[in-house]
C-alpha atoms as a PDB file:
ATOM      1  CA  UNK A   1       0.000   0.000   0.000  1.00  0.00           C
ATOM      2  CA  UNK A   2       1.559   3.306  -1.047  1.00  0.00           C
ATOM      3  CA  UNK A   3       1.662   6.570   0.895  1.00  0.00           C
ATOM      4  CA  UNK A   4      -1.165   8.151  -1.072  1.00  0.00           C
ATOM      5  CA  UNK A   5      -3.476   5.220  -0.341  1.00  0.00           C
ATOM      6  CA  UNK A   6      -2.668   5.320   3.369  1.00  0.00           C
ATOM      7  CA  UNK A   7      -3.444   9.030   3.539  1.00  0.00           C
ATOM      8  CA  UNK A   8      -6.757   8.718   1.737  1.00  0.00           C
ATOM      9  CA  UNK A   9      -8.037   5.466   3.184  1.00  0.00           C
ATOM     10  CA  UNK A  10      -6.919   5.475   6.799  1.00  0.00           C
ATOM     11  CA  UNK A  11      -6.263   9.145   7.375  1.00  0.00           C
ATOM     12  CA  UNK A  12      -9.202  10.262   5.268  1.00  0.00           C
ATOM     13  CA  UNK A  13     -11.418   8.071   7.347  1.00  0.00           C
ATOM     14  CA  UNK A  14     -10.183   9.526  10.653  1.00  0.00           C
ATOM     15  CA  UNK A  15     -10.282  12.954  12.308  1.00  0.00           C
ATOM     16  CA  UNK A  16     -11.480  16.311  12.735  1.00  0.00           C
ATOM     17  CA  UNK A  17     -12.689  19.367  14.440  1.00  0.00           C
ATOM     18  CA  UNK A  18     -14.644  19.994  17.615  1.00  0.00           C
ATOM     19  CA  UNK A  19     -16.726  22.795  19.196  1.00  0.00           C
ATOM     20  CA  UNK A  20     -20.310  23.958  18.804  1.00  0.00           C
ATOM     21  CA  UNK A  21     -22.048  26.704  16.862  1.00  0.00           C
ATOM     22  CA  UNK A  22     -22.886  29.332  19.447  1.00  0.00           C
ATOM     23  CA  UNK A  23     -25.871  30.473  17.406  1.00  0.00           C
ATOM     24  CA  UNK A  24     -27.218  26.991  16.683  1.00  0.00           C
ATOM     25  CA  UNK A  25     -30.418  25.454  17.956  1.00  0.00           C
ATOM     26  CA  UNK A  26     -29.741  21.890  19.117  1.00  0.00           C
ATOM     27  CA  UNK A  27     -32.114  19.060  18.217  1.00  0.00           C
ATOM     28  CA  UNK A  28     -31.866  15.470  19.458  1.00  0.00           C
ATOM     29  CA  UNK A  29     -33.411  12.539  17.680  1.00  0.00           C
ATOM     30  CA  UNK A  30     -36.550  11.024  19.245  1.00  0.00           C
ATOM     31  CA  UNK A  31     -36.161   8.110  21.624  1.00  0.00           C
ATOM     32  CA  UNK A  32     -38.506   5.272  22.603  1.00  0.00           C
ATOM     33  CA  UNK A  33     -40.432   3.693  19.706  1.00  0.00           C
ATOM     34  CA  UNK A  34     -38.916   5.937  17.041  1.00  0.00           C
ATOM     35  CA  UNK A  35     -35.268   5.166  17.801  1.00  0.00           C
ATOM     36  CA  UNK A  36     -35.155   2.425  20.399  1.00  0.00           C
ATOM     37  CA  UNK A  37     -32.380   2.726  22.919  1.00  0.00           C
ATOM     38  CA  UNK A  38     -29.911   4.940  21.090  1.00  0.00           C
ATOM     39  CA  UNK A  39     -29.252   8.195  19.302  1.00  0.00           C
ATOM     40  CA  UNK A  40     -26.745   7.490  16.508  1.00  0.00           C
ATOM     41  CA  UNK A  41     -26.620  11.150  15.453  1.00  0.00           C
ATOM     42  CA  UNK A  42     -27.347  14.602  16.782  1.00  0.00           C
ATOM     43  CA  UNK A  43     -28.449  17.541  14.643  1.00  0.00           C
ATOM     44  CA  UNK A  44     -28.188  21.302  14.983  1.00  0.00           C
ATOM     45  CA  UNK A  45     -30.298  23.643  12.854  1.00  0.00           C
ATOM     46  CA  UNK A  46     -29.502  27.095  11.501  1.00  0.00           C
ATOM     47  CA  UNK A  47     -31.400  29.483   9.248  1.00  0.00           C
ATOM     48  CA  UNK A  48     -34.674  29.193   7.344  1.00  0.00           C
ATOM     49  CA  UNK A  49     -35.619  28.216   3.825  1.00  0.00           C
ATOM     50  CA  UNK A  50     -35.123  25.076   1.759  1.00  0.00           C
ATOM     51  CA  UNK A  51     -33.546  22.211   3.673  1.00  0.00           C
ATOM     52  CA  UNK A  52     -29.874  21.245   3.337  1.00  0.00           C
ATOM     53  CA  UNK A  53     -28.426  18.431   5.468  1.00  0.00           C
ATOM     54  CA  UNK A  54     -24.640  18.477   5.985  1.00  0.00           C
ATOM     55  CA  UNK A  55     -22.913  15.250   7.084  1.00  0.00           C
ATOM     56  CA  UNK A  56     -19.229  15.338   8.136  1.00  0.00           C
ATOM     57  CA  UNK A  57     -16.715  12.522   7.749  1.00  0.00           C
ATOM     58  CA  UNK A  58     -15.240  10.046  10.177  1.00  0.00           C
ATOM     59  CA  UNK A  59     -14.090  11.480  13.521  1.00  0.00           C
ATOM     60  CA  UNK A  60     -15.224  14.859  12.233  1.00  0.00           C
ATOM     61  CA  UNK A  61     -17.264  17.495  13.984  1.00  0.00           C
ATOM     62  CA  UNK A  62     -20.094  19.344  12.324  1.00  0.00           C
ATOM     63  CA  UNK A  63     -17.751  22.319  12.675  1.00  0.00           C
ATOM     64  CA  UNK A  64     -16.063  21.398   9.381  1.00  0.00           C
ATOM     65  CA  UNK A  65     -19.076  23.018   7.727  1.00  0.00           C
ATOM     66  CA  UNK A  66     -18.825  26.358   9.592  1.00  0.00           C
ATOM     67  CA  UNK A  67     -17.738  28.412   6.590  1.00  0.00           C
ATOM     68  CA  UNK A  68     -20.245  26.862   4.220  1.00  0.00           C
ATOM     69  CA  UNK A  69     -23.126  27.058   6.702  1.00  0.00           C
ATOM     70  CA  UNK A  70     -22.526  30.751   7.414  1.00  0.00           C
ATOM     71  CA  UNK A  71     -23.483  31.528   3.837  1.00  0.00           C
ATOM     72  CA  UNK A  72     -26.150  28.874   3.322  1.00  0.00           C
ATOM     73  CA  UNK A  73     -28.213  29.812   6.373  1.00  0.00           C
ATOM     74  CA  UNK A  74     -29.152  33.140   4.785  1.00  0.00           C
ATOM     75  CA  UNK A  75     -31.475  31.333   2.361  1.00  0.00           C
ATOM     76  CA  UNK A  76     -31.625  27.741   3.591  1.00  0.00           C
ATOM     77  CA  UNK A  77     -32.474  25.783   6.708  1.00  0.00           C
ATOM     78  CA  UNK A  78     -29.193  24.009   7.402  1.00  0.00           C
ATOM     79  CA  UNK A  79     -29.161  20.753   9.397  1.00  0.00           C
ATOM     80  CA  UNK A  80     -25.682  20.032  10.775  1.00  0.00           C
ATOM     81  CA  UNK A  81     -25.200  16.388  11.677  1.00  0.00           C
ATOM     82  CA  UNK A  82     -22.685  14.894  14.088  1.00  0.00           C
ATOM     83  CA  UNK A  83     -22.284  11.153  14.555  1.00  0.00           C
ATOM     84  CA  UNK A  84     -22.147   9.597  18.008  1.00  0.00           C
ATOM     85  CA  UNK A  85     -18.557   8.874  19.055  1.00  0.00           C
ATOM     86  CA  UNK A  86     -17.013  11.459  16.743  1.00  0.00           C
ATOM     87  CA  UNK A  87     -15.446  14.671  18.050  1.00  0.00           C
ATOM     88  CA  UNK A  88     -17.598  16.106  20.843  1.00  0.00           C
ATOM     89  CA  UNK A  89     -20.588  13.729  20.607  1.00  0.00           C
ATOM     90  CA  UNK A  90     -20.643  10.881  23.178  1.00  0.00           C
ATOM     91  CA  UNK A  91     -20.283   7.350  21.836  1.00  0.00           C
ATOM     92  CA  UNK A  92     -22.975   4.702  21.841  1.00  0.00           C
ATOM     93  CA  UNK A  93     -22.303   1.005  21.439  1.00  0.00           C
ATOM     94  CA  UNK A  94     -24.241  -1.563  19.435  1.00  0.00           C
ATOM     95  CA  UNK A  95     -23.672  -5.337  19.614  1.00  0.00           C
ATOM     96  CA  UNK A  96     -23.059  -5.534  15.847  1.00  0.00           C
ATOM     97  CA  UNK A  97     -20.477  -2.719  16.137  1.00  0.00           C
ATOM     98  CA  UNK A  98     -21.864  -0.839  13.140  1.00  0.00           C
ATOM     99  CA  UNK A  99     -21.659   2.945  12.912  1.00  0.00           C
ATOM    100  CA  UNK A 100     -22.417   4.067   9.351  1.00  0.00           C
ATOM    101  CA  UNK A 101     -25.632   2.138   8.683  1.00  0.00           C
ATOM    102  CA  UNK A 102     -27.314   3.185  11.971  1.00  0.00           C
ATOM    103  CA  UNK A 103     -26.350   6.806  11.261  1.00  0.00           C
ATOM    104  CA  UNK A 104     -27.945   6.664   7.800  1.00  0.00           C
ATOM    105  CA  UNK A 105     -31.106   5.092   9.217  1.00  0.00           C
ATOM    106  CA  UNK A 106     -31.227   7.711  11.980  1.00  0.00           C
ATOM    107  CA  UNK A 107     -30.953  10.596   9.517  1.00  0.00           C
ATOM    108  CA  UNK A 108     -33.748   9.066   7.439  1.00  0.00           C
ATOM    109  CA  UNK A 109     -35.844   8.881  10.597  1.00  0.00           C
ATOM    110  CA  UNK A 110     -34.991  12.500  11.390  1.00  0.00           C
ATOM    111  CA  UNK A 111     -36.200  13.535   7.938  1.00  0.00           C
ATOM    112  CA  UNK A 112     -39.414  11.532   8.321  1.00  0.00           C
ATOM    113  CA  UNK A 113     -40.363  12.559  11.843  1.00  0.00           C
ATOM    114  CA  UNK A 114     -39.735  16.260  11.201  1.00  0.00           C
ATOM    115  CA  UNK A 115     -41.624  16.179   7.908  1.00  0.00           C
ATOM    116  CA  UNK A 116     -38.675  17.570   5.954  1.00  0.00           C
ATOM    117  CA  UNK A 117     -39.628  17.581   2.284  1.00  0.00           C
ATOM    118  CA  UNK A 118     -36.988  16.601  -0.275  1.00  0.00           C
ATOM    119  CA  UNK A 119     -33.839  17.893   1.438  1.00  0.00           C
ATOM    120  CA  UNK A 120     -30.507  18.295  -0.299  1.00  0.00           C
ATOM    121  CA  UNK A 121     -27.874  15.995   1.223  1.00  0.00           C
ATOM    122  CA  UNK A 122     -24.181  16.977   1.252  1.00  0.00           C
ATOM    123  CA  UNK A 123     -21.735  14.487   2.763  1.00  0.00           C
ATOM    124  CA  UNK A 124     -17.963  14.538   3.076  1.00  0.00           C
ATOM    125  CA  UNK A 125     -15.872  11.347   3.105  1.00  0.00           C
ATOM    126  CA  UNK A 126     -17.657   8.888   5.423  1.00  0.00           C
ATOM    127  CA  UNK A 127     -20.538  11.380   5.372  1.00  0.00           C
ATOM    128  CA  UNK A 128     -20.623  10.891   1.611  1.00  0.00           C
ATOM    129  CA  UNK A 129     -21.023   7.155   2.107  1.00  0.00           C
ATOM    130  CA  UNK A 130     -23.954   7.889   4.422  1.00  0.00           C
ATOM    131  CA  UNK A 131     -25.389  10.174   1.750  1.00  0.00           C
ATOM    132  CA  UNK A 132     -25.209   7.364  -0.818  1.00  0.00           C
ATOM    133  CA  UNK A 133     -26.977   5.023   1.608  1.00  0.00           C
ATOM    134  CA  UNK A 134     -29.749   7.578   2.067  1.00  0.00           C
ATOM    135  CA  UNK A 135     -30.142   8.070  -1.659  1.00  0.00           C
ATOM    136  CA  UNK A 136     -30.209   4.336  -2.416  1.00  0.00           C
ATOM    137  CA  UNK A 137     -32.236   3.065   0.546  1.00  0.00           C
ATOM    138  CA  UNK A 138     -34.561   6.035   1.066  1.00  0.00           C
ATOM    139  CA  UNK A 139     -34.877   7.445  -2.475  1.00  0.00           C
ATOM    140  CA  UNK A 140     -38.106   9.327  -1.734  1.00  0.00           C
ATOM    141  CA  UNK A 141     -36.392  11.352   0.996  1.00  0.00           C
ATOM    142  CA  UNK A 142     -33.576  12.870  -1.063  1.00  0.00           C
ATOM    143  CA  UNK A 143     -33.938  15.691  -3.590  1.00  0.00           C
ATOM    144  CA  UNK A 144     -30.299  16.164  -4.616  1.00  0.00           C
ATOM    145  CA  UNK A 145     -27.102  14.509  -3.421  1.00  0.00           C
ATOM    146  CA  UNK A 146     -23.562  15.910  -3.251  1.00  0.00           C
ATOM    147  CA  UNK A 147     -20.730  13.522  -2.399  1.00  0.00           C
ATOM    148  CA  UNK A 148     -17.475  15.220  -1.363  1.00  0.00           C
ATOM    149  CA  UNK A 149     -14.235  13.252  -1.827  1.00  0.00           C
ATOM    150  CA  UNK A 150     -15.781   9.830  -1.227  1.00  0.00           C
ATOM    151  CA  UNK A 151     -16.165   6.575  -3.124  1.00  0.00           C
ATOM    152  CA  UNK A 152     -19.010   4.035  -2.936  1.00  0.00           C
ATOM    153  CA  UNK A 153     -16.387   1.410  -1.968  1.00  0.00           C
ATOM    154  CA  UNK A 154     -13.264   2.713  -0.238  1.00  0.00           C
ATOM    155  CA  UNK A 155     -11.207  -0.431  -0.560  1.00  0.00           C
ATOM    156  CA  UNK A 156     -10.952   0.196  -4.314  1.00  0.00           C
ATOM    157  CA  UNK A 157      -8.109   2.552  -3.411  1.00  0.00           C
ATOM    158  CA  UNK A 158      -6.122  -0.423  -2.161  1.00  0.00           C
ATOM    159  CA  UNK A 159      -7.280  -2.949  -4.740  1.00  0.00           C
ATOM    160  CA  UNK A 160      -9.187  -1.867  -7.884  1.00  0.00           C
ATOM    161  CA  UNK A 161     -10.552  -5.422  -8.143  1.00  0.00           C
ATOM    162  CA  UNK A 162     -11.666  -5.592  -4.497  1.00  0.00           C
ATOM    163  CA  UNK A 163     -14.938  -7.134  -3.354  1.00  0.00           C
ATOM    164  CA  UNK A 164     -16.540  -7.104   0.086  1.00  0.00           C
ATOM    165  CA  UNK A 165     -15.144 -10.609   0.605  1.00  0.00           C
ATOM    166  CA  UNK A 166     -11.571  -9.767  -0.367  1.00  0.00           C
ATOM    167  CA  UNK A 167     -11.734  -6.477   1.564  1.00  0.00           C
ATOM    168  CA  UNK A 168     -12.024  -8.325   4.879  1.00  0.00           C
ATOM    169  CA  UNK A 169      -8.281  -8.836   5.183  1.00  0.00           C
ATOM    170  CA  UNK A 170      -7.469  -5.134   4.779  1.00  0.00           C
ATOM    171  CA  UNK A 171     -10.422  -3.987   6.896  1.00  0.00           C
ATOM    172  CA  UNK A 172      -9.641  -6.303   9.793  1.00  0.00           C
ATOM    173  CA  UNK A 173      -5.947  -5.398   9.800  1.00  0.00           C
ATOM    174  CA  UNK A 174      -6.743  -1.683   9.762  1.00  0.00           C
ATOM    175  CA  UNK A 175      -9.267  -1.938  12.594  1.00  0.00           C
ATOM    176  CA  UNK A 176      -6.904  -4.000  14.743  1.00  0.00           C
ATOM    177  CA  UNK A 177      -4.053  -1.567  14.102  1.00  0.00           C
ATOM    178  CA  UNK A 178      -6.168   1.414  15.141  1.00  0.00           C
ATOM    179  CA  UNK A 179      -7.338  -0.310  18.313  1.00  0.00           C
ATOM    180  CA  UNK A 180      -3.790  -1.319  19.201  1.00  0.00           C
ATOM    181  CA  UNK A 181      -2.229   2.131  19.023  1.00  0.00           C
ATOM    182  CA  UNK A 182      -0.645   3.518  22.171  1.00  0.00           C
ATOM    183  CA  UNK A 183      -1.652   7.075  23.175  1.00  0.00           C
ATOM    184  CA  UNK A 184       1.648   8.348  21.785  1.00  0.00           C
ATOM    185  CA  UNK A 185       1.179   6.483  18.505  1.00  0.00           C
ATOM    186  CA  UNK A 186      -2.335   7.816  18.170  1.00  0.00           C
ATOM    187  CA  UNK A 187      -1.216  11.422  18.535  1.00  0.00           C
ATOM    188  CA  UNK A 188       1.640  10.943  16.071  1.00  0.00           C
ATOM    189  CA  UNK A 189      -0.667   9.265  13.569  1.00  0.00           C
ATOM    190  CA  UNK A 190      -3.245  12.052  13.797  1.00  0.00           C
ATOM    191  CA  UNK A 191      -0.596  14.684  13.093  1.00  0.00           C
ATOM    192  CA  UNK A 192       0.834  12.758  10.157  1.00  0.00           C
ATOM    193  CA  UNK A 193      -2.613  12.022   8.725  1.00  0.00           C
ATOM    194  CA  UNK A 194      -3.845  15.594   8.975  1.00  0.00           C
ATOM    195  CA  UNK A 195      -0.767  16.876   7.191  1.00  0.00           C
ATOM    196  CA  UNK A 196      -1.786  14.765   4.203  1.00  0.00           C
ATOM    197  CA  UNK A 197      -5.486  15.564   4.417  1.00  0.00           C
ATOM    198  CA  UNK A 198      -5.596  19.335   4.936  1.00  0.00           C
ATOM    199  CA  UNK A 199      -3.358  21.508   2.801  1.00  0.00           C
ATOM    200  CA  UNK A 200      -4.324  24.585   4.829  1.00  0.00           C
ATOM    201  CA  UNK A 201      -1.906  24.454   7.772  1.00  0.00           C
ATOM    202  CA  UNK A 202      -4.017  26.827   9.870  1.00  0.00           C
ATOM    203  CA  UNK A 203      -6.811  24.273  10.291  1.00  0.00           C
ATOM    204  CA  UNK A 204      -4.628  21.319  11.200  1.00  0.00           C
ATOM    205  CA  UNK A 205      -4.320  21.727  15.007  1.00  0.00           C
ATOM    206  CA  UNK A 206      -8.093  21.670  15.492  1.00  0.00           C
ATOM    207  CA  UNK A 207      -8.421  18.662  13.231  1.00  0.00           C
ATOM    208  CA  UNK A 208      -5.781  16.752  15.162  1.00  0.00           C
ATOM    209  CA  UNK A 209      -7.495  17.558  18.461  1.00  0.00           C
ATOM    210  CA  UNK A 210     -10.893  16.366  17.251  1.00  0.00           C
ATOM    211  CA  UNK A 211      -9.456  13.110  15.941  1.00  0.00           C
ATOM    212  CA  UNK A 212      -7.809  12.432  19.284  1.00  0.00           C
ATOM    213  CA  UNK A 213     -11.019  13.243  21.169  1.00  0.00           C
ATOM    214  CA  UNK A 214     -13.105  10.862  19.068  1.00  0.00           C
ATOM    215  CA  UNK A 215     -13.916   7.491  20.606  1.00  0.00           C
ATOM    216  CA  UNK A 216     -11.247   4.999  19.534  1.00  0.00           C
ATOM    217  CA  UNK A 217     -13.569   1.983  19.219  1.00  0.00           C
ATOM    218  CA  UNK A 218     -16.219   3.914  17.292  1.00  0.00           C
ATOM    219  CA  UNK A 219     -13.616   5.173  14.845  1.00  0.00           C
ATOM    220  CA  UNK A 220     -12.088   1.713  14.349  1.00  0.00           C
ATOM    221  CA  UNK A 221     -15.499   0.112  13.810  1.00  0.00           C
ATOM    222  CA  UNK A 222     -16.514   2.816  11.360  1.00  0.00           C
ATOM    223  CA  UNK A 223     -13.302   2.351   9.369  1.00  0.00           C
ATOM    224  CA  UNK A 224     -13.934  -1.393   9.223  1.00  0.00           C
ATOM    225  CA  UNK A 225     -17.541  -0.929   8.135  1.00  0.00           C
ATOM    226  CA  UNK A 226     -16.645   1.580   5.437  1.00  0.00           C
ATOM    227  CA  UNK A 227     -13.901  -0.625   4.025  1.00  0.00           C
ATOM    228  CA  UNK A 228     -16.319  -3.584   3.927  1.00  0.00           C
ATOM    229  CA  UNK A 229     -19.298  -1.745   2.434  1.00  0.00           C
ATOM    230  CA  UNK A 230     -19.634  -1.835  -1.348  1.00  0.00           C
ATOM    231  CA  UNK A 231     -22.470   0.457  -2.410  1.00  0.00           C
ATOM    232  CA  UNK A 232     -21.813   0.195  -6.154  1.00  0.00           C
ATOM    233  CA  UNK A 233     -24.672  -2.295  -6.713  1.00  0.00           C
ATOM    234  CA  UNK A 234     -27.042   0.082  -4.892  1.00  0.00           C
ATOM    235  CA  UNK A 235     -26.255   3.182  -6.964  1.00  0.00           C
ATOM    236  CA  UNK A 236     -28.903   2.215  -9.534  1.00  0.00           C
ATOM    237  CA  UNK A 237     -31.575   2.801  -6.885  1.00  0.00           C
ATOM    238  CA  UNK A 238     -30.650   6.465  -6.405  1.00  0.00           C
ATOM    239  CA  UNK A 239     -33.167   8.679  -8.196  1.00  0.00           C
ATOM    240  CA  UNK A 240     -31.719  12.005  -7.047  1.00  0.00           C
ATOM    241  CA  UNK A 241     -29.114  13.736  -9.221  1.00  0.00           C
ATOM    242  CA  UNK A 242     -25.611  13.165  -7.815  1.00  0.00           C
ATOM    243  CA  UNK A 243     -22.741  15.642  -7.846  1.00  0.00           C
ATOM    244  CA  UNK A 244     -19.374  14.104  -6.944  1.00  0.00           C
ATOM    245  CA  UNK A 245     -16.789  16.704  -5.880  1.00  0.00           C
ATOM    246  CA  UNK A 246     -13.263  15.379  -5.457  1.00  0.00           C
ATOM    247  CA  UNK A 247      -9.802  16.765  -4.790  1.00  0.00           C
ATOM    248  CA  UNK A 248      -6.547  16.597  -6.674  1.00  0.00           C
ATOM    249  CA  UNK A 249      -3.101  17.988  -5.995  1.00  0.00           C
ATOM    250  CA  UNK A 250       0.213  17.278  -7.691  1.00  0.00           C
ATOM    251  CA  UNK A 251       1.583  16.375  -4.252  1.00  0.00           C
ATOM    252  CA  UNK A 252      -0.529  13.198  -4.412  1.00  0.00           C
ATOM    253  CA  UNK A 253       2.224  11.862  -6.634  1.00  0.00           C
ATOM    254  CA  UNK A 254      -0.113  10.167  -9.115  1.00  0.00           C
ATOM    255  CA  UNK A 255      -1.419  11.338 -12.498  1.00  0.00           C
ATOM    256  CA  UNK A 256      -4.635  13.329 -12.446  1.00  0.00           C
ATOM    257  CA  UNK A 257      -5.993  11.001 -15.133  1.00  0.00           C
ATOM    258  CA  UNK A 258      -5.743   8.098 -12.679  1.00  0.00           C
ATOM    259  CA  UNK A 259      -7.784   9.953 -10.079  1.00  0.00           C
ATOM    260  CA  UNK A 260     -10.389  10.955 -12.674  1.00  0.00           C
ATOM    261  CA  UNK A 261     -10.661   7.371 -13.878  1.00  0.00           C
ATOM    262  CA  UNK A 262     -11.015   5.977 -10.350  1.00  0.00           C
ATOM    263  CA  UNK A 263     -14.009   8.182  -9.575  1.00  0.00           C
ATOM    264  CA  UNK A 264     -15.723   7.739 -12.926  1.00  0.00           C
ATOM    265  CA  UNK A 265     -15.346   3.962 -12.832  1.00  0.00           C
ATOM    266  CA  UNK A 266     -16.520   3.648  -9.227  1.00  0.00           C
ATOM    267  CA  UNK A 267     -19.744   5.539  -9.981  1.00  0.00           C
ATOM    268  CA  UNK A 268     -20.328   3.999 -13.418  1.00  0.00           C
ATOM    269  CA  UNK A 269     -23.704   2.501 -12.462  1.00  0.00           C
ATOM    270  CA  UNK A 270     -25.190   5.745 -11.106  1.00  0.00           C
ATOM    271  CA  UNK A 271     -28.018   6.862 -13.433  1.00  0.00           C
ATOM    272  CA  UNK A 272     -27.735  10.653 -13.020  1.00  0.00           C
ATOM    273  CA  UNK A 273     -24.271  11.872 -12.049  1.00  0.00           C
ATOM    274  CA  UNK A 274     -21.876  14.759 -12.621  1.00  0.00           C
ATOM    275  CA  UNK A 275     -18.245  15.152 -11.513  1.00  0.00           C
ATOM    276  CA  UNK A 276     -16.352  18.256 -10.386  1.00  0.00           C
ATOM    277  CA  UNK A 277     -12.635  18.073  -9.620  1.00  0.00           C
ATOM    278  CA  UNK A 278     -11.113  20.699  -7.321  1.00  0.00           C
ATOM    279  CA  UNK A 279      -7.408  21.142  -7.952  1.00  0.00           C
ATOM    280  CA  UNK A 280      -4.821  22.369  -5.441  1.00  0.00           C
ATOM    281  CA  UNK A 281      -6.720  20.751  -2.597  1.00  0.00           C
ATOM    282  CA  UNK A 282      -6.297  17.820  -0.261  1.00  0.00           C
ATOM    283  CA  UNK A 283      -9.141  15.750   1.233  1.00  0.00           C
ATOM    284  CA  UNK A 284     -10.786  18.599   3.164  1.00  0.00           C
ATOM    285  CA  UNK A 285     -11.878  20.596   0.152  1.00  0.00           C
ATOM    286  CA  UNK A 286     -14.191  22.834   2.183  1.00  0.00           C
ATOM    287  CA  UNK A 287     -11.211  23.950   4.307  1.00  0.00           C
ATOM    288  CA  UNK A 288      -8.513  24.038   1.630  1.00  0.00           C
ATOM    289  CA  UNK A 289     -10.584  25.767  -1.049  1.00  0.00           C
ATOM    290  CA  UNK A 290     -13.513  27.354   0.849  1.00  0.00           C
ATOM    291  CA  UNK A 291     -14.481  29.958  -1.746  1.00  0.00           C
ATOM    292  CA  UNK A 292     -14.312  27.502  -4.620  1.00  0.00           C
ATOM    293  CA  UNK A 293     -16.246  24.904  -2.669  1.00  0.00           C
ATOM    294  CA  UNK A 294     -18.968  27.352  -1.590  1.00  0.00           C
ATOM    295  CA  UNK A 295     -19.361  28.425  -5.223  1.00  0.00           C
ATOM    296  CA  UNK A 296     -19.785  24.800  -6.303  1.00  0.00           C
ATOM    297  CA  UNK A 297     -22.422  24.222  -3.617  1.00  0.00           C
ATOM    298  CA  UNK A 298     -24.334  27.397  -4.472  1.00  0.00           C
ATOM    299  CA  UNK A 299     -24.441  26.421  -8.145  1.00  0.00           C
ATOM    300  CA  UNK A 300     -25.528  22.925  -7.205  1.00  0.00           C
ATOM    301  CA  UNK A 301     -28.394  24.239  -5.082  1.00  0.00           C
ATOM    302  CA  UNK A 302     -29.628  26.510  -7.871  1.00  0.00           C
ATOM    303  CA  UNK A 303     -29.815  23.751 -10.482  1.00  0.00           C
END
């Protein structure tokens, strides 16, 4: 596995910021019969207007969307998701040790119980995987779908011929390695990972802190689940238009044509899809290229 793959797969699946929006209104998911025994996500709401749901990536806080949300809330009702066990949100534990699927189901339940009509879903990294699950498994609940620097099957970055069965070896080894890190190794890994995921040096310290504060077991289980989950067969069920926004930088050390081909091939079965590449950016496009990213989102929302 080369350095680029390690950065994108392991590092890109870990991390990020913490803190709360001081002007946000907090909403918790319903308990009892609606969501028995757990709250896989929490949601904060800002602004009024058409609904936009923002889903951050693994070990990320909803705070990664601060810049984007500050503009969107002028004309949209923005729902900022945070997944249990990531950043500042307390962990919950399920016997099956799944993280991504319960989060997707919980967001679908949030949409249903609050009578949100045809929201736009924007998800980054692991949040993009959740967005694809929503689009494929709850097609009536999604109006438009933006996937930011995420693939429908992450293990393709290790093995282009991977299947869920062959991915088990890589996924298990990665999970065990994450769980076995000493505190010192974890800190060192976060710093190294962030350096390859955020080109903007100013945002790195907060990202490192949030990754460290995320629950270790939740992160490891989420990495395993994402590496094992192949959503390519489900893409045909997505009726919403999909915009895939992905990063490229010459520092990746691979030809841009290879990156383009990887994304186009991975999403080949999606019926309605468009691709936008953002150059001079690492994984956190919204932090590395905030103006460019906000422009892409605004255009996407107007279509």
